[in-house]
């Protein structure tokens, strides 16, 4: 069987270098590309069409969940393995809702990441044991109800979430328009829609909402990660 083609996505170069060394040592994995922002990840996936994407969630310009959605829309055959420092239910459900096939914590053993990549390539899902146990318990308790609630909690379109993230990262309307290839007027409409849907009408409130919902990294705005 041919080597597994992998796209590495993490905004820290030292993390990517470590992951690359780890995966290449396996002998059956090829790193076809790397990305340090969510937007770069989508572009790299469209260009290289990897079988597996190893994705961090806390990414600049486009967070890992939105990048996952866009990658799977562009490359439906790809499988996304989330490798994150966040182990709370909200981040996990958001990632699953975005289409991730695996979710591992960054403190996981190296062998577990390799196994996850191999399993998702075969079409199976894979979760860290503790996460898998929690998901089973939640399924027994409420079926799919909780996952549905998580998706309804932030009733924004994919484009609105992109605009919200860029607002929270300090981009002005003109900069957002340039980044997304939109007109300033269109960005203003998205901005107004976000504020109306969330009932938040100041930048500080939007920043905190984006941080607490995992759209941007909490530490980036001085909010301790859970």
N, C-alpha and C. Protein backbone atom coordinates (compact mmCIF):
# COMPACT_ATOMS: atom_id res chain seq x y z
N UNK A 1 0.85 -1.20 0.00
CA UNK A 1 0.00 0.00 0.00
C UNK A 1 0.88 1.24 0.00
N UNK A 2 0.48 2.26 -0.75
CA UNK A 2 1.26 3.50 -0.86
C UNK A 2 1.28 4.24 0.47
N UNK A 3 2.31 5.07 0.64
CA UNK A 3 2.41 5.87 1.84
C UNK A 3 1.19 6.76 2.03
N UNK A 4 0.90 7.06 3.28
CA UNK A 4 -0.22 7.95 3.62
C UNK A 4 0.24 9.39 3.44
N UNK A 5 -0.45 10.16 2.61
CA UNK A 5 -0.08 11.56 2.40
C UNK A 5 -0.74 12.43 3.47
N UNK A 6 0.07 13.26 4.12
CA UNK A 6 -0.39 14.03 5.28
C UNK A 6 -0.07 15.51 5.12
N UNK A 7 -1.04 16.35 5.48
CA UNK A 7 -0.85 17.80 5.58
C UNK A 7 -0.78 18.15 7.06
N UNK A 8 0.28 18.83 7.49
CA UNK A 8 0.45 19.24 8.88
C UNK A 8 0.01 20.69 9.05
N UNK A 9 -0.88 20.94 10.01
CA UNK A 9 -1.39 22.29 10.24
C UNK A 9 -1.20 22.68 11.70
N UNK A 10 -0.31 23.62 11.95
CA UNK A 10 -0.09 24.16 13.30
C UNK A 10 0.61 25.49 13.14
N UNK A 11 0.24 26.47 13.97
CA UNK A 11 0.84 27.80 13.81
C UNK A 11 2.20 27.93 14.47
N UNK A 12 2.67 26.88 15.14
CA UNK A 12 3.99 26.91 15.76
C UNK A 12 4.95 26.02 14.95
N UNK A 13 5.98 26.63 14.39
CA UNK A 13 6.90 25.88 13.53
C UNK A 13 7.60 24.76 14.29
N UNK A 14 7.90 24.98 15.57
CA UNK A 14 8.60 23.95 16.35
C UNK A 14 7.72 22.71 16.53
N UNK A 15 6.40 22.93 16.65
CA UNK A 15 5.47 21.81 16.76
C UNK A 15 5.41 21.04 15.44
N UNK A 16 5.34 21.78 14.35
CA UNK A 16 5.29 21.11 13.03
C UNK A 16 6.57 20.30 12.79
N UNK A 17 7.72 20.87 13.14
CA UNK A 17 8.97 20.14 12.94
C UNK A 17 8.99 18.86 13.76
N UNK A 18 8.50 18.94 15.00
CA UNK A 18 8.46 17.75 15.84
C UNK A 18 7.53 16.69 15.27
N UNK A 19 6.36 17.12 14.82
CA UNK A 19 5.40 16.18 14.24
C UNK A 19 5.95 15.56 12.95
N UNK A 20 6.61 16.38 12.16
CA UNK A 20 7.17 15.87 10.91
C UNK A 20 8.20 14.78 11.18
N UNK A 21 9.11 15.04 12.12
CA UNK A 21 10.14 14.05 12.46
C UNK A 21 9.51 12.77 12.97
N UNK A 22 8.49 12.92 13.80
CA UNK A 22 7.79 11.76 14.37
C UNK A 22 7.13 10.92 13.29
N UNK A 23 6.41 11.57 12.39
CA UNK A 23 5.65 10.84 11.38
C UNK A 23 6.53 10.24 10.29
N UNK A 24 7.56 10.99 9.87
CA UNK A 24 8.45 10.46 8.83
C UNK A 24 9.23 9.25 9.32
N UNK A 25 9.44 9.16 10.63
CA UNK A 25 10.16 8.02 11.20
C UNK A 25 9.37 6.71 11.04
N UNK A 26 8.06 6.84 10.77
CA UNK A 26 7.23 5.64 10.63
C UNK A 26 7.50 4.90 9.33
N UNK A 27 7.93 5.63 8.30
CA UNK A 27 8.26 5.00 7.03
C UNK A 27 7.10 4.83 6.06
N UNK A 28 5.86 4.91 6.55
CA UNK A 28 4.71 4.75 5.64
C UNK A 28 3.89 6.02 5.55
N UNK A 29 4.47 7.15 5.98
CA UNK A 29 3.78 8.43 5.95
C UNK A 29 4.64 9.44 5.19
N UNK A 30 4.00 10.20 4.30
CA UNK A 30 4.68 11.25 3.55
C UNK A 30 4.03 12.60 3.88
N UNK A 31 4.83 13.58 4.26
CA UNK A 31 4.32 14.92 4.53
C UNK A 31 4.31 15.68 3.20
N UNK A 32 3.12 15.95 2.68
CA UNK A 32 3.02 16.60 1.37
C UNK A 32 3.02 18.12 1.47
N UNK A 33 2.67 18.66 2.65
CA UNK A 33 2.65 20.11 2.82
C UNK A 33 2.47 20.45 4.29
N UNK A 34 2.77 21.71 4.63
CA UNK A 34 2.57 22.24 5.98
C UNK A 34 1.85 23.58 5.86
N UNK A 35 1.14 23.97 6.93
CA UNK A 35 0.45 25.25 6.95
C UNK A 35 0.48 25.82 8.35
N UNK A 36 0.59 27.16 8.44
CA UNK A 36 0.65 27.80 9.75
C UNK A 36 -0.56 28.69 10.03
N UNK A 37 -1.51 28.77 9.10
CA UNK A 37 -2.80 29.41 9.35
C UNK A 37 -3.89 28.53 8.79
N UNK A 38 -5.11 28.75 9.27
CA UNK A 38 -6.21 27.96 8.75
C UNK A 38 -6.44 28.19 7.27
N UNK A 39 -6.25 29.42 6.82
CA UNK A 39 -6.46 29.72 5.40
C UNK A 39 -5.41 29.03 4.54
N UNK A 40 -4.15 29.03 5.00
CA UNK A 40 -3.09 28.31 4.29
C UNK A 40 -3.42 26.82 4.21
N UNK A 41 -4.02 26.30 5.28
CA UNK A 41 -4.36 24.87 5.31
C UNK A 41 -5.37 24.53 4.21
N UNK A 42 -6.38 25.37 4.05
CA UNK A 42 -7.38 25.13 3.01
C UNK A 42 -6.73 25.17 1.63
N UNK A 43 -5.89 26.17 1.41
CA UNK A 43 -5.21 26.30 0.11
C UNK A 43 -4.29 25.10 -0.16
N UNK A 44 -3.57 24.67 0.87
CA UNK A 44 -2.66 23.54 0.71
C UNK A 44 -3.43 22.25 0.44
N UNK A 45 -4.57 22.09 1.11
CA UNK A 45 -5.38 20.88 0.89
C UNK A 45 -5.92 20.85 -0.53
N UNK A 46 -6.37 22.00 -1.03
CA UNK A 46 -6.88 22.06 -2.40
C UNK A 46 -5.79 21.74 -3.41
N UNK A 47 -4.56 22.19 -3.11
CA UNK A 47 -3.45 21.97 -4.05
C UNK A 47 -2.91 20.54 -3.99
N UNK A 48 -2.69 20.03 -2.79
CA UNK A 48 -2.01 18.74 -2.63
C UNK A 48 -2.96 17.56 -2.42
N UNK A 49 -4.22 17.83 -2.04
CA UNK A 49 -5.22 16.79 -1.84
C UNK A 49 -4.70 15.64 -0.97
N UNK A 50 -4.31 15.94 0.28
CA UNK A 50 -3.79 14.90 1.17
C UNK A 50 -4.87 13.91 1.59
N UNK A 51 -4.45 12.73 1.95
CA UNK A 51 -5.40 11.75 2.49
C UNK A 51 -5.79 12.11 3.92
N UNK A 52 -4.82 12.64 4.68
CA UNK A 52 -5.06 12.97 6.08
C UNK A 52 -4.52 14.37 6.39
N UNK A 53 -5.29 15.12 7.15
CA UNK A 53 -4.87 16.44 7.63
C UNK A 53 -4.76 16.39 9.15
N UNK A 54 -3.59 16.69 9.68
CA UNK A 54 -3.41 16.79 11.13
C UNK A 54 -3.60 18.26 11.49
N UNK A 55 -4.66 18.58 12.22
CA UNK A 55 -5.14 19.94 12.39
C UNK A 55 -5.15 20.41 13.84
N UNK A 56 -4.49 21.54 14.09
CA UNK A 56 -4.63 22.23 15.37
C UNK A 56 -5.90 23.07 15.30
N UNK A 57 -6.56 23.30 16.44
CA UNK A 57 -7.78 24.09 16.43
C UNK A 57 -7.52 25.58 16.56
N UNK A 58 -6.54 25.96 17.38
CA UNK A 58 -6.26 27.37 17.63
C UNK A 58 -5.35 27.92 16.55
N UNK A 59 -5.96 28.33 15.42
CA UNK A 59 -5.20 28.80 14.27
C UNK A 59 -5.57 30.23 13.93
N UNK A 60 -4.59 31.06 13.53
CA UNK A 60 -4.90 32.43 13.12
C UNK A 60 -5.60 32.49 11.76
N UNK A 61 -6.30 33.60 11.53
CA UNK A 61 -7.01 33.92 10.28
C UNK A 61 -8.23 33.04 10.04
N UNK A 62 -8.11 31.75 10.28
CA UNK A 62 -9.24 30.83 10.13
C UNK A 62 -9.02 29.71 11.12
N UNK A 63 -9.93 29.56 12.09
CA UNK A 63 -9.71 28.55 13.14
C UNK A 63 -9.84 27.14 12.59
N UNK A 64 -9.36 26.18 13.36
CA UNK A 64 -9.28 24.80 12.91
C UNK A 64 -10.60 24.18 12.51
N UNK A 65 -11.68 24.52 13.23
CA UNK A 65 -12.99 23.94 12.88
C UNK A 65 -13.46 24.45 11.53
N UNK A 66 -13.35 25.76 11.30
CA UNK A 66 -13.78 26.30 10.01
C UNK A 66 -12.88 25.82 8.87
N UNK A 67 -11.58 25.71 9.16
CA UNK A 67 -10.66 25.19 8.15
C UNK A 67 -11.04 23.74 7.81
N UNK A 68 -11.40 22.97 8.82
CA UNK A 68 -11.82 21.58 8.60
C UNK A 68 -13.04 21.53 7.69
N UNK A 69 -14.04 22.37 7.95
CA UNK A 69 -15.24 22.39 7.11
C UNK A 69 -14.89 22.71 5.66
N UNK A 70 -14.05 23.71 5.48
CA UNK A 70 -13.72 24.14 4.12
C UNK A 70 -12.87 23.10 3.39
N UNK A 71 -11.97 22.46 4.12
CA UNK A 71 -11.13 21.42 3.52
C UNK A 71 -11.99 20.24 3.07
N UNK A 72 -12.90 19.81 3.93
CA UNK A 72 -13.73 18.66 3.59
C UNK A 72 -14.71 18.97 2.47
N UNK A 73 -15.09 20.23 2.35
CA UNK A 73 -15.94 20.63 1.23
C UNK A 73 -15.15 20.60 -0.08
N UNK A 74 -13.88 21.05 -0.02
CA UNK A 74 -13.04 21.10 -1.21
C UNK A 74 -12.45 19.73 -1.56
N UNK A 75 -12.11 18.95 -0.51
CA UNK A 75 -11.49 17.63 -0.72
C UNK A 75 -12.26 16.61 0.12
N UNK A 76 -13.41 16.17 -0.33
CA UNK A 76 -14.26 15.27 0.47
C UNK A 76 -13.58 13.97 0.89
N UNK A 77 -12.58 13.55 0.14
CA UNK A 77 -11.91 12.28 0.46
C UNK A 77 -10.93 12.42 1.62
N UNK A 78 -10.58 13.66 1.99
CA UNK A 78 -9.61 13.87 3.07
C UNK A 78 -10.21 13.49 4.42
N UNK A 79 -9.35 13.11 5.34
CA UNK A 79 -9.75 12.81 6.72
C UNK A 79 -8.98 13.76 7.64
N UNK A 80 -9.68 14.35 8.59
CA UNK A 80 -9.04 15.32 9.49
C UNK A 80 -8.85 14.72 10.87
N UNK A 81 -7.60 14.77 11.34
CA UNK A 81 -7.25 14.36 12.69
C UNK A 81 -6.96 15.63 13.48
N UNK A 82 -7.80 15.96 14.44
CA UNK A 82 -7.57 17.13 15.27
C UNK A 82 -6.57 16.78 16.36
N UNK A 83 -5.55 17.61 16.50
CA UNK A 83 -4.55 17.45 17.56
C UNK A 83 -4.51 18.77 18.31
N UNK A 84 -5.15 18.81 19.48
CA UNK A 84 -5.39 20.08 20.17
C UNK A 84 -5.01 20.00 21.64
N UNK A 85 -4.76 21.17 22.22
CA UNK A 85 -4.52 21.24 23.66
C UNK A 85 -5.84 21.34 24.43
N UNK A 86 -6.95 21.55 23.70
CA UNK A 86 -8.26 21.68 24.32
C UNK A 86 -8.96 20.33 24.43
N UNK A 87 -9.34 19.96 25.65
CA UNK A 87 -10.01 18.68 25.86
C UNK A 87 -11.42 18.81 26.37
N UNK A 88 -11.99 20.03 26.33
CA UNK A 88 -13.35 20.23 26.85
C UNK A 88 -14.39 19.79 25.81
N UNK A 89 -15.60 19.55 26.30
CA UNK A 89 -16.66 19.02 25.45
C UNK A 89 -16.99 19.96 24.29
N UNK A 90 -16.99 21.27 24.55
CA UNK A 90 -17.39 22.20 23.49
C UNK A 90 -16.47 22.12 22.28
N UNK A 91 -15.15 22.14 22.52
CA UNK A 91 -14.21 22.05 21.40
C UNK A 91 -14.34 20.71 20.68
N UNK A 92 -14.52 19.65 21.45
CA UNK A 92 -14.64 18.32 20.85
C UNK A 92 -15.88 18.23 19.96
N UNK A 93 -17.01 18.69 20.46
CA UNK A 93 -18.25 18.63 19.67
C UNK A 93 -18.17 19.53 18.45
N UNK A 94 -17.54 20.70 18.59
CA UNK A 94 -17.39 21.59 17.43
C UNK A 94 -16.56 20.91 16.34
N UNK A 95 -15.48 20.24 16.75
CA UNK A 95 -14.62 19.57 15.78
C UNK A 95 -15.36 18.43 15.09
N UNK A 96 -16.09 17.64 15.86
CA UNK A 96 -16.86 16.53 15.27
C UNK A 96 -17.92 17.09 14.33
N UNK A 97 -18.58 18.17 14.76
CA UNK A 97 -19.59 18.79 13.92
C UNK A 97 -19.02 19.32 12.61
N UNK A 98 -17.75 19.72 12.65
CA UNK A 98 -17.09 20.22 11.44
C UNK A 98 -16.67 19.09 10.51
N UNK A 99 -16.69 17.86 11.04
CA UNK A 99 -16.36 16.72 10.20
C UNK A 99 -15.07 15.99 10.54
N UNK A 100 -14.43 16.37 11.66
CA UNK A 100 -13.19 15.70 12.05
C UNK A 100 -13.44 14.21 12.30
N UNK A 101 -12.52 13.38 11.84
CA UNK A 101 -12.65 11.93 12.00
C UNK A 101 -11.92 11.43 13.24
N UNK A 102 -11.06 12.28 13.81
CA UNK A 102 -10.30 11.88 15.00
C UNK A 102 -10.02 13.11 15.84
N UNK A 103 -9.92 12.91 17.15
CA UNK A 103 -9.61 14.01 18.07
C UNK A 103 -8.65 13.49 19.13
N UNK A 104 -7.46 14.09 19.16
CA UNK A 104 -6.44 13.71 20.13
C UNK A 104 -5.96 14.95 20.87
N UNK A 105 -5.50 14.75 22.08
CA UNK A 105 -4.91 15.84 22.84
C UNK A 105 -3.41 15.89 22.56
N UNK A 106 -2.84 17.10 22.62
CA UNK A 106 -1.43 17.26 22.26
C UNK A 106 -0.49 16.50 23.19
N UNK A 107 -0.95 16.20 24.39
CA UNK A 107 -0.08 15.44 25.29
C UNK A 107 -0.17 13.93 25.04
N UNK A 108 -0.86 13.55 23.96
CA UNK A 108 -1.01 12.14 23.64
C UNK A 108 0.34 11.51 23.27
N UNK A 109 0.42 10.22 23.41
CA UNK A 109 1.64 9.51 23.04
C UNK A 109 1.80 9.53 21.52
N UNK A 110 3.05 9.52 21.07
CA UNK A 110 3.33 9.57 19.64
C UNK A 110 2.65 8.42 18.89
N UNK A 111 2.68 7.24 19.48
CA UNK A 111 2.10 6.07 18.82
C UNK A 111 0.61 6.25 18.58
N UNK A 112 -0.06 7.01 19.46
CA UNK A 112 -1.49 7.21 19.32
C UNK A 112 -1.81 8.07 18.10
N UNK A 113 -0.98 9.08 17.84
CA UNK A 113 -1.18 9.91 16.66
C UNK A 113 -1.01 9.08 15.39
N UNK A 114 0.03 8.27 15.35
CA UNK A 114 0.26 7.41 14.19
C UNK A 114 -0.91 6.47 13.98
N UNK A 115 -1.40 5.89 15.06
CA UNK A 115 -2.54 4.97 14.96
C UNK A 115 -3.78 5.70 14.45
N UNK A 116 -3.99 6.93 14.93
CA UNK A 116 -5.16 7.70 14.49
C UNK A 116 -5.09 7.96 12.99
N UNK A 117 -3.91 8.33 12.50
CA UNK A 117 -3.74 8.57 11.06
C UNK A 117 -4.03 7.31 10.26
N UNK A 118 -3.52 6.19 10.74
CA UNK A 118 -3.74 4.93 10.03
C UNK A 118 -5.21 4.52 10.03
N UNK A 119 -5.89 4.75 11.17
CA UNK A 119 -7.29 4.36 11.30
C UNK A 119 -8.20 5.22 10.42
N UNK A 120 -7.99 6.53 10.43
CA UNK A 120 -8.88 7.39 9.63
C UNK A 120 -8.65 7.17 8.15
N UNK A 121 -7.43 6.82 7.77
CA UNK A 121 -7.18 6.53 6.36
C UNK A 121 -8.01 5.33 5.90
N UNK A 122 -8.26 4.39 6.82
CA UNK A 122 -9.07 3.21 6.50
C UNK A 122 -10.56 3.52 6.54
N UNK A 123 -10.92 4.74 6.99
CA UNK A 123 -12.32 5.11 7.04
C UNK A 123 -12.94 5.02 8.42
N UNK A 124 -12.12 4.73 9.44
CA UNK A 124 -12.61 4.63 10.80
C UNK A 124 -12.41 5.95 11.55
N UNK A 125 -13.14 6.13 12.63
CA UNK A 125 -12.95 7.27 13.52
C UNK A 125 -11.98 6.88 14.63
N UNK A 126 -11.36 7.88 15.25
CA UNK A 126 -10.43 7.56 16.33
C UNK A 126 -10.43 8.72 17.33
N UNK A 127 -10.54 8.38 18.62
CA UNK A 127 -10.51 9.39 19.68
C UNK A 127 -9.62 8.90 20.82
N UNK A 128 -8.99 9.84 21.50
CA UNK A 128 -8.23 9.48 22.69
C UNK A 128 -9.15 8.70 23.62
N UNK A 129 -8.63 7.69 24.32
CA UNK A 129 -9.49 6.84 25.16
C UNK A 129 -10.41 7.61 26.10
N UNK A 130 -9.88 8.63 26.77
CA UNK A 130 -10.71 9.39 27.71
C UNK A 130 -11.83 10.12 26.99
N UNK A 131 -11.53 10.66 25.82
CA UNK A 131 -12.54 11.37 25.02
C UNK A 131 -13.58 10.38 24.51
N UNK A 132 -13.15 9.23 24.05
CA UNK A 132 -14.07 8.21 23.54
C UNK A 132 -15.04 7.77 24.64
N UNK A 133 -14.53 7.61 25.85
CA UNK A 133 -15.38 7.20 26.97
C UNK A 133 -16.44 8.25 27.27
N UNK A 134 -16.04 9.52 27.24
CA UNK A 134 -17.01 10.60 27.49
C UNK A 134 -18.07 10.66 26.40
N UNK A 135 -17.67 10.48 25.14
CA UNK A 135 -18.62 10.51 24.04
C UNK A 135 -19.63 9.36 24.15
N UNK A 136 -19.14 8.19 24.56
CA UNK A 136 -20.05 7.05 24.74
C UNK A 136 -21.06 7.34 25.83
N UNK A 137 -20.59 7.92 26.92
CA UNK A 137 -21.48 8.23 28.04
C UNK A 137 -22.51 9.27 27.63
N UNK A 138 -22.09 10.28 26.91
CA UNK A 138 -23.02 11.31 26.46
C UNK A 138 -24.06 10.73 25.50
N UNK A 139 -23.62 9.79 24.66
CA UNK A 139 -24.54 9.16 23.73
C UNK A 139 -25.58 8.35 24.48
N UNK A 140 -25.15 7.63 25.52
CA UNK A 140 -26.09 6.86 26.33
C UNK A 140 -27.10 7.77 27.01
N UNK A 141 -26.65 8.92 27.46
CA UNK A 141 -27.51 9.82 28.23
C UNK A 141 -28.50 10.59 27.36
N UNK A 142 -28.05 11.05 26.21
CA UNK A 142 -28.92 11.96 25.46
C UNK A 142 -28.89 11.77 23.94
N UNK A 143 -28.32 10.68 23.45
CA UNK A 143 -28.25 10.46 22.02
C UNK A 143 -27.50 11.58 21.34
N UNK A 144 -28.06 12.12 20.32
CA UNK A 144 -27.40 13.20 19.58
C UNK A 144 -27.84 14.57 20.05
N UNK A 145 -28.64 14.64 21.10
CA UNK A 145 -29.21 15.92 21.53
C UNK A 145 -28.15 16.94 21.91
N UNK A 146 -27.13 16.52 22.67
CA UNK A 146 -26.13 17.48 23.12
C UNK A 146 -25.34 18.03 21.95
N UNK A 147 -24.96 17.18 21.00
CA UNK A 147 -24.20 17.67 19.85
C UNK A 147 -25.03 18.69 19.07
N UNK A 148 -26.34 18.45 18.97
CA UNK A 148 -27.19 19.41 18.29
C UNK A 148 -27.24 20.73 19.01
N UNK A 149 -27.27 20.71 20.34
CA UNK A 149 -27.27 21.93 21.11
C UNK A 149 -26.00 22.73 20.89
N UNK A 150 -24.88 22.04 20.79
CA UNK A 150 -23.62 22.74 20.59
C UNK A 150 -23.62 23.47 19.26
N UNK A 151 -24.19 22.86 18.23
CA UNK A 151 -24.20 23.52 16.93
C UNK A 151 -25.13 24.72 16.94
N UNK A 152 -26.24 24.64 17.71
CA UNK A 152 -27.19 25.74 17.75
C UNK A 152 -26.70 26.89 18.61
N UNK A 153 -25.73 26.64 19.46
CA UNK A 153 -25.26 27.63 20.41
C UNK A 153 -24.68 28.85 19.72
N UNK A 154 -24.05 28.68 18.55
CA UNK A 154 -23.50 29.80 17.79
C UNK A 154 -24.13 29.75 16.40
N UNK A 155 -25.29 30.43 16.21
CA UNK A 155 -26.04 30.31 14.95
C UNK A 155 -25.47 31.18 13.84
N UNK A 156 -24.21 31.01 13.54
CA UNK A 156 -23.56 31.81 12.52
C UNK A 156 -23.22 30.96 11.30
N UNK A 157 -23.23 31.58 10.12
CA UNK A 157 -22.78 30.89 8.92
C UNK A 157 -21.26 30.78 8.95
N UNK A 158 -20.72 29.94 8.06
CA UNK A 158 -19.28 29.78 7.99
C UNK A 158 -18.60 31.12 7.70
N UNK A 159 -19.16 31.90 6.78
CA UNK A 159 -18.57 33.20 6.44
C UNK A 159 -18.64 34.17 7.62
N UNK A 160 -19.74 34.13 8.36
CA UNK A 160 -19.86 35.01 9.53
C UNK A 160 -18.85 34.65 10.60
N UNK A 161 -18.57 33.36 10.75
CA UNK A 161 -17.56 32.94 11.72
C UNK A 161 -16.18 33.42 11.29
N UNK A 162 -15.90 33.37 9.97
CA UNK A 162 -14.63 33.89 9.47
C UNK A 162 -14.49 35.38 9.79
N UNK A 163 -15.56 36.13 9.54
CA UNK A 163 -15.53 37.58 9.81
C UNK A 163 -15.37 37.83 11.30
N UNK A 164 -16.09 37.06 12.14
CA UNK A 164 -15.98 37.22 13.59
C UNK A 164 -14.54 36.98 14.04
N UNK A 165 -13.90 35.93 13.52
CA UNK A 165 -12.54 35.65 13.93
C UNK A 165 -11.61 36.80 13.57
N UNK A 166 -11.74 37.34 12.37
CA UNK A 166 -10.86 38.42 11.96
C UNK A 166 -11.13 39.70 12.75
N UNK A 167 -12.38 39.96 13.08
CA UNK A 167 -12.69 41.10 13.96
C UNK A 167 -11.99 40.91 15.31
N UNK A 168 -12.11 39.71 15.85
CA UNK A 168 -11.52 39.42 17.16
C UNK A 168 -10.00 39.49 17.13
N UNK A 169 -9.40 39.24 15.96
CA UNK A 169 -7.95 39.32 15.82
C UNK A 169 -7.47 40.73 15.50
N UNK A 170 -8.41 41.69 15.47
CA UNK A 170 -8.03 43.08 15.33
C UNK A 170 -8.04 43.63 13.92
N UNK A 171 -8.60 42.91 12.96
CA UNK A 171 -8.65 43.37 11.58
C UNK A 171 -9.75 44.43 11.42
N UNK A 172 -9.46 45.49 10.68
CA UNK A 172 -10.47 46.48 10.32
C UNK A 172 -11.27 45.97 9.13
N UNK A 173 -12.41 46.60 8.85
CA UNK A 173 -13.27 46.14 7.76
C UNK A 173 -12.53 46.05 6.43
N UNK A 174 -11.71 47.06 6.12
CA UNK A 174 -10.98 47.06 4.86
C UNK A 174 -10.00 45.89 4.79
N UNK A 175 -9.35 45.59 5.93
CA UNK A 175 -8.40 44.46 5.98
C UNK A 175 -9.14 43.14 5.83
N UNK A 176 -10.31 43.03 6.46
CA UNK A 176 -11.10 41.81 6.36
C UNK A 176 -11.53 41.60 4.90
N UNK A 177 -11.95 42.69 4.27
CA UNK A 177 -12.37 42.60 2.87
C UNK A 177 -11.23 42.09 1.99
N UNK A 178 -10.03 42.61 2.21
CA UNK A 178 -8.88 42.18 1.43
C UNK A 178 -8.54 40.71 1.70
N UNK A 179 -8.62 40.30 2.95
CA UNK A 179 -8.28 38.93 3.34
C UNK A 179 -9.25 37.92 2.73
N UNK A 180 -10.54 38.28 2.70
CA UNK A 180 -11.57 37.34 2.24
C UNK A 180 -11.97 37.55 0.79
N UNK A 181 -11.43 38.59 0.16
CA UNK A 181 -11.79 38.85 -1.23
C UNK A 181 -13.21 39.35 -1.38
N UNK A 182 -13.67 40.15 -0.41
CA UNK A 182 -15.02 40.69 -0.42
C UNK A 182 -14.98 42.21 -0.52
N UNK A 183 -16.12 42.83 -0.78
CA UNK A 183 -16.19 44.28 -0.73
C UNK A 183 -16.33 44.72 0.73
N UNK A 184 -15.94 45.95 1.01
CA UNK A 184 -16.08 46.47 2.37
C UNK A 184 -17.55 46.49 2.77
N UNK A 185 -18.42 46.80 1.83
CA UNK A 185 -19.85 46.83 2.12
C UNK A 185 -20.36 45.45 2.54
N UNK A 186 -19.88 44.42 1.86
CA UNK A 186 -20.30 43.06 2.22
C UNK A 186 -19.79 42.68 3.61
N UNK A 187 -18.56 43.06 3.92
CA UNK A 187 -18.01 42.79 5.25
C UNK A 187 -18.84 43.50 6.31
N UNK A 188 -19.23 44.73 6.05
CA UNK A 188 -20.04 45.48 7.01
C UNK A 188 -21.38 44.78 7.25
N UNK A 189 -21.96 44.21 6.20
CA UNK A 189 -23.23 43.47 6.34
C UNK A 189 -23.02 42.23 7.20
N UNK A 190 -21.92 41.50 6.96
CA UNK A 190 -21.63 40.32 7.78
C UNK A 190 -21.40 40.72 9.23
N UNK A 191 -20.69 41.80 9.43
CA UNK A 191 -20.41 42.28 10.79
C UNK A 191 -21.70 42.62 11.53
N UNK A 192 -22.61 43.31 10.85
CA UNK A 192 -23.89 43.66 11.45
C UNK A 192 -24.71 42.41 11.76
N UNK A 193 -24.66 41.43 10.84
CA UNK A 193 -25.41 40.19 11.05
C UNK A 193 -24.89 39.43 12.27
N UNK A 194 -23.55 39.40 12.42
CA UNK A 194 -22.94 38.72 13.57
C UNK A 194 -23.39 39.38 14.87
N UNK A 195 -23.32 40.70 14.92
CA UNK A 195 -23.70 41.42 16.14
C UNK A 195 -25.18 41.21 16.47
N UNK A 196 -26.02 41.20 15.43
CA UNK A 196 -27.45 41.01 15.66
C UNK A 196 -27.75 39.60 16.16
N UNK A 197 -27.16 38.60 15.51
CA UNK A 197 -27.42 37.21 15.90
C UNK A 197 -26.95 36.92 17.32
N UNK A 198 -25.78 37.46 17.67
CA UNK A 198 -25.21 37.19 18.99
C UNK A 198 -25.71 38.16 20.05
N UNK A 199 -26.38 39.23 19.60
CA UNK A 199 -26.82 40.30 20.50
C UNK A 199 -25.63 40.87 21.28
N UNK A 200 -24.54 41.07 20.55
CA UNK A 200 -23.32 41.67 21.11
C UNK A 200 -22.97 42.84 20.19
N UNK A 201 -22.84 44.02 20.77
CA UNK A 201 -22.70 45.21 19.93
C UNK A 201 -21.44 46.02 20.21
N UNK A 202 -20.44 45.38 20.78
CA UNK A 202 -19.15 46.05 20.98
C UNK A 202 -18.03 45.07 20.68
N UNK A 203 -16.88 45.61 20.30
CA UNK A 203 -15.76 44.76 19.89
C UNK A 203 -15.26 43.89 21.03
N UNK A 204 -15.19 44.45 22.24
CA UNK A 204 -14.70 43.67 23.38
C UNK A 204 -15.58 42.44 23.62
N UNK A 205 -16.90 42.62 23.48
CA UNK A 205 -17.81 41.50 23.65
C UNK A 205 -17.63 40.45 22.58
N UNK A 206 -17.41 40.89 21.35
CA UNK A 206 -17.18 39.94 20.26
C UNK A 206 -15.89 39.16 20.47
N UNK A 207 -14.85 39.86 20.94
CA UNK A 207 -13.56 39.19 21.19
C UNK A 207 -13.73 38.12 22.26
N UNK A 208 -14.43 38.46 23.33
CA UNK A 208 -14.59 37.48 24.41
C UNK A 208 -15.44 36.29 23.95
N UNK A 209 -16.48 36.57 23.17
CA UNK A 209 -17.32 35.48 22.66
C UNK A 209 -16.49 34.55 21.78
N UNK A 210 -15.70 35.13 20.88
CA UNK A 210 -14.87 34.32 19.98
C UNK A 210 -13.87 33.48 20.76
N UNK A 211 -13.35 34.04 21.84
CA UNK A 211 -12.37 33.30 22.65
C UNK A 211 -13.03 32.17 23.43
N UNK A 212 -14.15 32.47 24.07
CA UNK A 212 -14.79 31.44 24.89
C UNK A 212 -15.41 30.32 24.06
N UNK A 213 -15.72 30.61 22.79
CA UNK A 213 -16.28 29.58 21.90
C UNK A 213 -15.20 28.85 21.11
N UNK A 214 -13.93 29.18 21.35
CA UNK A 214 -12.85 28.48 20.68
C UNK A 214 -12.60 28.93 19.26
N UNK A 215 -13.20 30.06 18.85
CA UNK A 215 -12.98 30.56 17.50
C UNK A 215 -11.60 31.18 17.39
N UNK A 216 -11.13 31.81 18.46
CA UNK A 216 -9.74 32.24 18.56
C UNK A 216 -9.16 31.67 19.83
N UNK A 217 -7.84 31.66 19.93
CA UNK A 217 -7.17 31.10 21.09
C UNK A 217 -7.39 32.00 22.30
N UNK A 218 -7.82 31.42 23.41
CA UNK A 218 -8.16 32.20 24.59
C UNK A 218 -6.98 33.00 25.12
N UNK A 219 -5.80 32.39 25.12
CA UNK A 219 -4.62 33.05 25.67
C UNK A 219 -4.24 34.28 24.87
N UNK A 220 -4.67 34.35 23.61
CA UNK A 220 -4.34 35.48 22.76
C UNK A 220 -4.99 36.76 23.21
N UNK A 221 -6.09 36.64 23.97
CA UNK A 221 -6.77 37.83 24.46
C UNK A 221 -6.79 37.85 25.98
N UNK A 222 -5.91 37.11 26.59
CA UNK A 222 -5.74 37.17 28.03
C UNK A 222 -6.77 36.41 28.82
N UNK A 223 -7.47 35.46 28.19
CA UNK A 223 -8.46 34.64 28.89
C UNK A 223 -7.85 33.27 29.13
N UNK A 224 -7.72 32.81 30.35
CA UNK A 224 -7.09 31.52 30.62
C UNK A 224 -7.83 30.39 29.92
N UNK A 225 -7.06 29.50 29.31
CA UNK A 225 -7.67 28.33 28.65
C UNK A 225 -8.19 27.38 29.69
N UNK A 226 -9.31 26.73 29.39
CA UNK A 226 -9.86 25.77 30.33
C UNK A 226 -9.15 24.44 30.22
